[in-house]
Amino acid sequence: MARVLLFGRLADQAGWRERSVEAASLAALRDLLAAADPDLGEALGGPGVQVAVDKAIVRGEATLAAATEVAFLPPMSGG
């Protein structure tokens, strides 16, 4: 199972910060999260949201192993 972490407004919107989810790929993980909460699914695909897999920013698709950590990071602001 992948350990899924949400930060900032994404966690606020979902009502949780950490969950274990069974998914073989990043796309499958997003689909599962969106099926459970369509508003969260839309937010995860929003502009500026980044994904880190095992603490490395990923652009595009990624395969998820059993102990993978996936973090969804909202856009940052400030100076």
PDB file of N, CA and C in Angstrom:
ATOM      1  N   MET A   1       0.830  -1.190   0.000  1.00  0.00           N
ATOM      2  CA  MET A   1       0.000   0.000   0.000  1.00  0.00           C
ATOM      3  C   MET A   1       0.871   1.249   0.000  1.00  0.00           C
ATOM      4  N   ALA A   2       0.478   2.213  -0.782  1.00  0.00           N
ATOM      5  CA  ALA A   2       1.198   3.484  -0.813  1.00  0.00           C
ATOM      6  C   ALA A   2       0.728   4.357   0.354  1.00  0.00           C
ATOM      7  N   ARG A   3       1.656   5.064   0.924  1.00  0.00           N
ATOM      8  CA  ARG A   3       1.336   6.044   1.969  1.00  0.00           C
ATOM      9  C   ARG A   3       1.102   7.374   1.261  1.00  0.00           C
ATOM     10  N   VAL A   4      -0.114   7.896   1.350  1.00  0.00           N
ATOM     11  CA  VAL A   4      -0.493   9.131   0.655  1.00  0.00           C
ATOM     12  C   VAL A   4      -0.549  10.259   1.670  1.00  0.00           C
ATOM     13  N   LEU A   5       0.143  11.346   1.361  1.00  0.00           N
ATOM     14  CA  LEU A   5       0.175  12.524   2.217  1.00  0.00           C
ATOM     15  C   LEU A   5      -0.394  13.717   1.452  1.00  0.00           C
ATOM     16  N   LEU A   6      -1.244  14.475   2.123  1.00  0.00           N
ATOM     17  CA  LEU A   6      -1.770  15.717   1.561  1.00  0.00           C
ATOM     18  C   LEU A   6      -1.301  16.872   2.428  1.00  0.00           C
ATOM     19  N   PHE A   7      -0.956  17.976   1.800  1.00  0.00           N
ATOM     20  CA  PHE A   7      -0.471  19.139   2.536  1.00  0.00           C
ATOM     21  C   PHE A   7      -1.331  20.361   2.240  1.00  0.00           C
ATOM     22  N   GLY A   8      -1.306  21.319   3.150  1.00  0.00           N
ATOM     23  CA  GLY A   8      -1.959  22.609   2.971  1.00  0.00           C
ATOM     24  C   GLY A   8      -3.441  22.503   2.678  1.00  0.00           C
ATOM     25  N   ARG A   9      -3.876  23.272   1.694  1.00  0.00           N
ATOM     26  CA  ARG A   9      -5.303  23.338   1.369  1.00  0.00           C
ATOM     27  C   ARG A   9      -5.851  22.001   0.884  1.00  0.00           C
ATOM     28  N   LEU A  10      -4.985  21.148   0.331  1.00  0.00           N
ATOM     29  CA  LEU A  10      -5.448  19.837  -0.122  1.00  0.00           C
ATOM     30  C   LEU A  10      -5.898  18.988   1.062  1.00  0.00           C
ATOM     31  N   ALA A  11      -5.119  19.012   2.143  1.00  0.00           N
ATOM     32  CA  ALA A  11      -5.495  18.281   3.358  1.00  0.00           C
ATOM     33  C   ALA A  11      -6.745  18.885   3.976  1.00  0.00           C
ATOM     34  N   ASP A  12      -6.826  20.208   3.979  1.00  0.00           N
ATOM     35  CA  ASP A  12      -8.011  20.875   4.525  1.00  0.00           C
ATOM     36  C   ASP A  12      -9.260  20.476   3.748  1.00  0.00           C
ATOM     37  N   GLN A  13      -9.151  20.447   2.443  1.00  0.00           N
ATOM     38  CA  GLN A  13     -10.287  20.109   1.599  1.00  0.00           C
ATOM     39  C   GLN A  13     -10.708  18.653   1.790  1.00  0.00           C
ATOM     40  N   ALA A  14      -9.736  17.744   1.880  1.00  0.00           N
ATOM     41  CA  ALA A  14     -10.037  16.316   2.008  1.00  0.00           C
ATOM     42  C   ALA A  14     -10.520  15.945   3.399  1.00  0.00           C
ATOM     43  N   GLY A  15     -10.048  16.680   4.401  1.00  0.00           N
ATOM     44  CA  GLY A  15     -10.382  16.347   5.775  1.00  0.00           C
ATOM     45  C   GLY A  15      -9.473  15.275   6.354  1.00  0.00           C
ATOM     46  N   TRP A  16      -8.369  14.993   5.672  1.00  0.00           N
ATOM     47  CA  TRP A  16      -7.365  14.056   6.175  1.00  0.00           C
ATOM     48  C   TRP A  16      -5.994  14.452   5.636  1.00  0.00           C
ATOM     49  N   ARG A  17      -4.942  14.013   6.329  1.00  0.00           N
ATOM     50  CA  ARG A  17      -3.571  14.346   5.927  1.00  0.00           C
ATOM     51  C   ARG A  17      -2.780  13.126   5.464  1.00  0.00           C
ATOM     52  N   GLU A  18      -3.163  11.964   5.943  1.00  0.00           N
ATOM     53  CA  GLU A  18      -2.408  10.753   5.605  1.00  0.00           C
ATOM     54  C   GLU A  18      -3.355   9.572   5.501  1.00  0.00           C
ATOM     55  N   ARG A  19      -3.086   8.737   4.491  1.00  0.00           N
ATOM     56  CA  ARG A  19      -3.884   7.533   4.255  1.00  0.00           C
ATOM     57  C   ARG A  19      -3.038   6.490   3.558  1.00  0.00           C
ATOM     58  N   SER A  20      -3.388   5.243   3.722  1.00  0.00           N
ATOM     59  CA  SER A  20      -2.776   4.154   2.962  1.00  0.00           C
ATOM     60  C   SER A  20      -3.750   3.751   1.865  1.00  0.00           C
ATOM     61  N   VAL A  21      -3.237   3.680   0.638  1.00  0.00           N
ATOM     62  CA  VAL A  21      -4.086   3.367  -0.519  1.00  0.00           C
ATOM     63  C   VAL A  21      -3.368   2.341  -1.384  1.00  0.00           C
ATOM     64  N   GLU A  22      -4.106   1.356  -1.848  1.00  0.00           N
ATOM     65  CA  GLU A  22      -3.568   0.330  -2.739  1.00  0.00           C
ATOM     66  C   GLU A  22      -3.719   0.795  -4.178  1.00  0.00           C
ATOM     67  N   ALA A  23      -2.597   1.081  -4.834  1.00  0.00           N
ATOM     68  CA  ALA A  23      -2.613   1.504  -6.237  1.00  0.00           C
ATOM     69  C   ALA A  23      -1.273   1.155  -6.865  1.00  0.00           C
ATOM     70  N   ALA A  24      -1.301   0.715  -8.116  1.00  0.00           N
ATOM     71  CA  ALA A  24      -0.086   0.296  -8.806  1.00  0.00           C
ATOM     72  C   ALA A  24       0.631   1.444  -9.511  1.00  0.00           C
ATOM     73  N   SER A  25      -0.094   2.540  -9.744  1.00  0.00           N
ATOM     74  CA  SER A  25       0.512   3.667 -10.466  1.00  0.00           C
ATOM     75  C   SER A  25      -0.041   4.975  -9.924  1.00  0.00           C
ATOM     76  N   LEU A  26       0.626   6.041 -10.265  1.00  0.00           N
ATOM     77  CA  LEU A  26       0.172   7.371  -9.855  1.00  0.00           C
ATOM     78  C   LEU A  26      -1.191   7.681 -10.471  1.00  0.00           C
ATOM     79  N   ALA A  27      -1.394   7.305 -11.725  1.00  0.00           N
ATOM     80  CA  ALA A  27      -2.686   7.539 -12.379  1.00  0.00           C
ATOM     81  C   ALA A  27      -3.796   6.768 -11.674  1.00  0.00           C
ATOM     82  N   ALA A  28      -3.538   5.525 -11.310  1.00  0.00           N
ATOM     83  CA  ALA A  28      -4.537   4.720 -10.606  1.00  0.00           C
ATOM     84  C   ALA A  28      -4.842   5.319  -9.241  1.00  0.00           C
ATOM     85  N   LEU A  29      -3.825   5.839  -8.578  1.00  0.00           N
ATOM     86  CA  LEU A  29      -4.013   6.471  -7.276  1.00  0.00           C
ATOM     87  C   LEU A  29      -4.911   7.706  -7.403  1.00  0.00           C
ATOM     88  N   ARG A  30      -4.620   8.539  -8.372  1.00  0.00           N
ATOM     89  CA  ARG A  30      -5.455   9.734  -8.595  1.00  0.00           C
ATOM     90  C   ARG A  30      -6.904   9.349  -8.902  1.00  0.00           C
ATOM     91  N   ASP A  31      -7.079   8.305  -9.723  1.00  0.00           N
ATOM     92  CA  ASP A  31      -8.430   7.849 -10.057  1.00  0.00           C
ATOM     93  C   ASP A  31      -9.175   7.377  -8.815  1.00  0.00           C
ATOM     94  N   LEU A  32      -8.504   6.630  -7.938  1.00  0.00           N
ATOM     95  CA  LEU A  32      -9.134   6.146  -6.709  1.00  0.00           C
ATOM     96  C   LEU A  32      -9.523   7.302  -5.792  1.00  0.00           C
ATOM     97  N   LEU A  33      -8.618   8.256  -5.638  1.00  0.00           N
ATOM     98  CA  LEU A  33      -8.907   9.405  -4.782  1.00  0.00           C
ATOM     99  C   LEU A  33     -10.049  10.241  -5.356  1.00  0.00           C
ATOM    100  N   ALA A  34     -10.067  10.412  -6.675  1.00  0.00           N
ATOM    101  CA  ALA A  34     -11.126  11.191  -7.324  1.00  0.00           C
ATOM    102  C   ALA A  34     -12.473  10.485  -7.243  1.00  0.00           C
ATOM    103  N   ALA A  35     -12.470   9.158  -7.324  1.00  0.00           N
ATOM    104  CA  ALA A  35     -13.719   8.409  -7.220  1.00  0.00           C
ATOM    105  C   ALA A  35     -14.325   8.545  -5.825  1.00  0.00           C
ATOM    106  N   ALA A  36     -13.465   8.583  -4.819  1.00  0.00           N
ATOM    107  CA  ALA A  36     -13.929   8.713  -3.439  1.00  0.00           C
ATOM    108  C   ALA A  36     -14.360  10.139  -3.112  1.00  0.00           C
ATOM    109  N   ASP A  37     -13.695  11.125  -3.749  1.00  0.00           N
ATOM    110  CA  ASP A  37     -13.982  12.538  -3.469  1.00  0.00           C
ATOM    111  C   ASP A  37     -13.713  13.348  -4.738  1.00  0.00           C
ATOM    112  N   PRO A  38     -14.738  13.546  -5.578  1.00  0.00           N
ATOM    113  CA  PRO A  38     -14.544  14.249  -6.850  1.00  0.00           C
ATOM    114  C   PRO A  38     -13.931  15.642  -6.704  1.00  0.00           C
ATOM    115  N   ASP A  39     -14.291  16.375  -5.650  1.00  0.00           N
ATOM    116  CA  ASP A  39     -13.715  17.707  -5.461  1.00  0.00           C
ATOM    117  C   ASP A  39     -12.212  17.618  -5.189  1.00  0.00           C
ATOM    118  N   LEU A  40     -11.811  16.638  -4.394  1.00  0.00           N
ATOM    119  CA  LEU A  40     -10.383  16.432  -4.140  1.00  0.00           C
ATOM    120  C   LEU A  40      -9.687  16.023  -5.431  1.00  0.00           C
ATOM    121  N   GLY A  41     -10.297  15.147  -6.195  1.00  0.00           N
ATOM    122  CA  GLY A  41      -9.706  14.728  -7.471  1.00  0.00           C
ATOM    123  C   GLY A  41      -9.452  15.900  -8.386  1.00  0.00           C
ATOM    124  N   GLU A  42     -10.408  16.824  -8.437  1.00  0.00           N
ATOM    125  CA  GLU A  42     -10.238  18.023  -9.257  1.00  0.00           C
ATOM    126  C   GLU A  42      -9.109  18.894  -8.712  1.00  0.00           C
ATOM    127  N   ALA A  43      -9.050  19.038  -7.393  1.00  0.00           N
ATOM    128  CA  ALA A  43      -8.002  19.858  -6.771  1.00  0.00           C
ATOM    129  C   ALA A  43      -6.614  19.263  -7.019  1.00  0.00           C
ATOM    130  N   LEU A  44      -6.494  17.939  -6.984  1.00  0.00           N
ATOM    131  CA  LEU A  44      -5.195  17.306  -7.201  1.00  0.00           C
ATOM    132  C   LEU A  44      -4.668  17.528  -8.610  1.00  0.00           C
ATOM    133  N   GLY A  45      -5.574  17.715  -9.555  1.00  0.00           N
ATOM    134  CA  GLY A  45      -5.179  17.978 -10.935  1.00  0.00           C
ATOM    135  C   GLY A  45      -5.080  19.451 -11.262  1.00  0.00           C
ATOM    136  N   GLY A  46      -5.260  20.295 -10.256  1.00  0.00           N
ATOM    137  CA  GLY A  46      -5.261  21.736 -10.466  1.00  0.00           C
ATOM    138  C   GLY A  46      -3.888  22.304 -10.786  1.00  0.00           C
ATOM    139  N   PRO A  47      -3.869  23.549 -11.256  1.00  0.00           N
ATOM    140  CA  PRO A  47      -2.605  24.187 -11.618  1.00  0.00           C
ATOM    141  C   PRO A  47      -1.700  24.358 -10.403  1.00  0.00           C
ATOM    142  N   GLY A  48      -0.449  24.047 -10.592  1.00  0.00           N
ATOM    143  CA  GLY A  48       0.546  24.257  -9.554  1.00  0.00           C
ATOM    144  C   GLY A  48       0.688  23.139  -8.539  1.00  0.00           C
ATOM    145  N   VAL A  49      -0.226  22.153  -8.552  1.00  0.00           N
ATOM    146  CA  VAL A  49      -0.119  21.038  -7.605  1.00  0.00           C
ATOM    147  C   VAL A  49       1.013  20.124  -8.079  1.00  0.00           C
ATOM    148  N   GLN A  50       1.932  19.843  -7.180  1.00  0.00           N
ATOM    149  CA  GLN A  50       3.056  18.967  -7.495  1.00  0.00           C
ATOM    150  C   GLN A  50       2.915  17.650  -6.735  1.00  0.00           C
ATOM    151  N   VAL A  51       3.564  16.618  -7.275  1.00  0.00           N
ATOM    152  CA  VAL A  51       3.530  15.301  -6.649  1.00  0.00           C
ATOM    153  C   VAL A  51       4.965  14.864  -6.384  1.00  0.00           C
ATOM    154  N   ALA A  52       5.206  14.401  -5.171  1.00  0.00           N
ATOM    155  CA  ALA A  52       6.506  13.841  -4.821  1.00  0.00           C
ATOM    156  C   ALA A  52       6.303  12.359  -4.525  1.00  0.00           C
ATOM    157  N   VAL A  53       7.116  11.526  -5.170  1.00  0.00           N
ATOM    158  CA  VAL A  53       7.103  10.094  -4.922  1.00  0.00           C
ATOM    159  C   VAL A  53       8.422   9.755  -4.250  1.00  0.00           C
ATOM    160  N   ASP A  54       8.326   9.242  -3.039  1.00  0.00           N
ATOM    161  CA  ASP A  54       9.518   8.967  -2.230  1.00  0.00           C
ATOM    162  C   ASP A  54      10.436  10.190  -2.167  1.00  0.00           C
ATOM    163  N   LYS A  55       9.819  11.337  -1.927  1.00  0.00           N
ATOM    164  CA  LYS A  55      10.475  12.628  -1.690  1.00  0.00           C
ATOM    165  C   LYS A  55      11.166  13.231  -2.907  1.00  0.00           C
ATOM    166  N   ALA A  56      10.822  12.755  -4.094  1.00  0.00           N
ATOM    167  CA  ALA A  56      11.354  13.332  -5.332  1.00  0.00           C
ATOM    168  C   ALA A  56      10.176  13.794  -6.190  1.00  0.00           C
ATOM    169  N   ILE A  57      10.229  15.048  -6.649  1.00  0.00           N
ATOM    170  CA  ILE A  57       9.152  15.593  -7.483  1.00  0.00           C
ATOM    171  C   ILE A  57       9.063  14.788  -8.774  1.00  0.00           C
ATOM    172  N   VAL A  58       7.826  14.402  -9.125  1.00  0.00           N
ATOM    173  CA  VAL A  58       7.576  13.598 -10.322  1.00  0.00           C
ATOM    174  C   VAL A  58       6.662  14.376 -11.241  1.00  0.00           C
ATOM    175  N   ARG A  59       7.018  14.412 -12.498  1.00  0.00           N
ATOM    176  CA  ARG A  59       6.150  14.998 -13.504  1.00  0.00           C
ATOM    177  C   ARG A  59       5.749  13.864 -14.433  1.00  0.00           C
ATOM    178  N   GLY A  60       4.468  13.645 -14.579  1.00  0.00           N
ATOM    179  CA  GLY A  60       4.008  12.533 -15.409  1.00  0.00           C
ATOM    180  C   GLY A  60       3.665  11.322 -14.567  1.00  0.00           C
ATOM    181  N   GLU A  61       3.857  10.165 -15.139  1.00  0.00           N
ATOM    182  CA  GLU A  61       3.445   8.901 -14.537  1.00  0.00           C
ATOM    183  C   GLU A  61       4.561   8.282 -13.700  1.00  0.00           C
ATOM    184  N   ALA A  62       4.163   7.477 -12.725  1.00  0.00           N
ATOM    185  CA  ALA A  62       5.124   6.743 -11.899  1.00  0.00           C
ATOM    186  C   ALA A  62       4.480   5.453 -11.429  1.00  0.00           C
ATOM    187  N   THR A  63       5.277   4.400 -11.341  1.00  0.00           N
ATOM    188  CA  THR A  63       4.828   3.129 -10.786  1.00  0.00           C
ATOM    189  C   THR A  63       4.999   3.196  -9.278  1.00  0.00           C
ATOM    190  N   LEU A  64       4.036   2.661  -8.553  1.00  0.00           N
ATOM    191  CA  LEU A  64       4.078   2.705  -7.099  1.00  0.00           C
ATOM    192  C   LEU A  64       4.330   1.308  -6.538  1.00  0.00           C
ATOM    193  N   ALA A  65       5.316   1.192  -5.684  1.00  0.00           N
ATOM    194  CA  ALA A  65       5.606  -0.068  -4.996  1.00  0.00           C
ATOM    195  C   ALA A  65       4.813  -0.109  -3.691  1.00  0.00           C
ATOM    196  N   ALA A  66       4.898  -1.216  -2.993  1.00  0.00           N
ATOM    197  CA  ALA A  66       4.107  -1.413  -1.773  1.00  0.00           C
ATOM    198  C   ALA A  66       4.364  -0.351  -0.710  1.00  0.00           C
ATOM    199  N   ALA A  67       5.595   0.071  -0.536  1.00  0.00           N
ATOM    200  CA  ALA A  67       5.926   1.004   0.547  1.00  0.00           C
ATOM    201  C   ALA A  67       6.218   2.414   0.040  1.00  0.00           C
ATOM    202  N   THR A  68       5.684   2.769  -1.102  1.00  0.00           N
ATOM    203  CA  THR A  68       5.928   4.081  -1.691  1.00  0.00           C
ATOM    204  C   THR A  68       5.206   5.175  -0.907  1.00  0.00           C
ATOM    205  N   GLU A  69       5.877   6.320  -0.764  1.00  0.00           N
ATOM    206  CA  GLU A  69       5.256   7.494  -0.171  1.00  0.00           C
ATOM    207  C   GLU A  69       4.934   8.479  -1.291  1.00  0.00           C
ATOM    208  N   VAL A  70       3.672   8.900  -1.363  1.00  0.00           N
ATOM    209  CA  VAL A  70       3.229   9.860  -2.373  1.00  0.00           C
ATOM    210  C   VAL A  70       2.700  11.092  -1.656  1.00  0.00           C
ATOM    211  N   ALA A  71       3.278  12.238  -1.948  1.00  0.00           N
ATOM    212  CA  ALA A  71       2.842  13.490  -1.324  1.00  0.00           C
ATOM    213  C   ALA A  71       2.316  14.429  -2.398  1.00  0.00           C
ATOM    214  N   PHE A  72       1.131  14.967  -2.142  1.00  0.00           N
ATOM    215  CA  PHE A  72       0.540  15.973  -3.035  1.00  0.00           C
ATOM    216  C   PHE A  72       0.762  17.330  -2.390  1.00  0.00           C
ATOM    217  N   LEU A  73       1.427  18.219  -3.123  1.00  0.00           N
ATOM    218  CA  LEU A  73       1.839  19.516  -2.604  1.00  0.00           C
ATOM    219  C   LEU A  73       1.100  20.638  -3.323  1.00  0.00           C
ATOM    220  N   PRO A  74       0.377  21.465  -2.586  1.00  0.00           N
ATOM    221  CA  PRO A  74      -0.342  22.568  -3.228  1.00  0.00           C
ATOM    222  C   PRO A  74       0.638  23.628  -3.703  1.00  0.00           C
ATOM    223  N   PRO A  75       0.177  24.536  -4.559  1.00  0.00           N
ATOM    224  CA  PRO A  75       1.051  25.638  -4.996  1.00  0.00           C
ATOM    225  C   PRO A  75       1.503  26.457  -3.782  1.00  0.00           C
ATOM    226  N   MET A  76       2.733  26.897  -3.824  1.00  0.00           N
ATOM    227  CA  MET A  76       3.271  27.718  -2.746  1.00  0.00           C
ATOM    228  C   MET A  76       3.162  29.189  -3.131  1.00  0.00           C
ATOM    229  N   SER A  77       2.985  30.016  -2.138  1.00  0.00           N
ATOM    230  CA  SER A  77       2.972  31.452  -2.381  1.00  0.00           C
ATOM    231  C   SER A  77       3.800  32.136  -1.306  1.00  0.00           C
ATOM    232  N   GLY A  78       4.090  33.355  -1.534  1.00  0.00           N
ATOM    233  CA  GLY A  78       4.874  34.089  -0.548  1.00  0.00           C
ATOM    234  C   GLY A  78       6.184  34.573  -1.152  1.00  0.00           C
ATOM    235  N   GLY A  79       7.002  35.138  -0.333  1.00  0.00           N
ATOM    236  CA  GLY A  79       8.227  35.704  -0.863  1.00  0.00           C
ATOM    237  C   GLY A  79       9.301  35.523   0.035  1.00  0.00           C
TER     238      GLY A  79
END
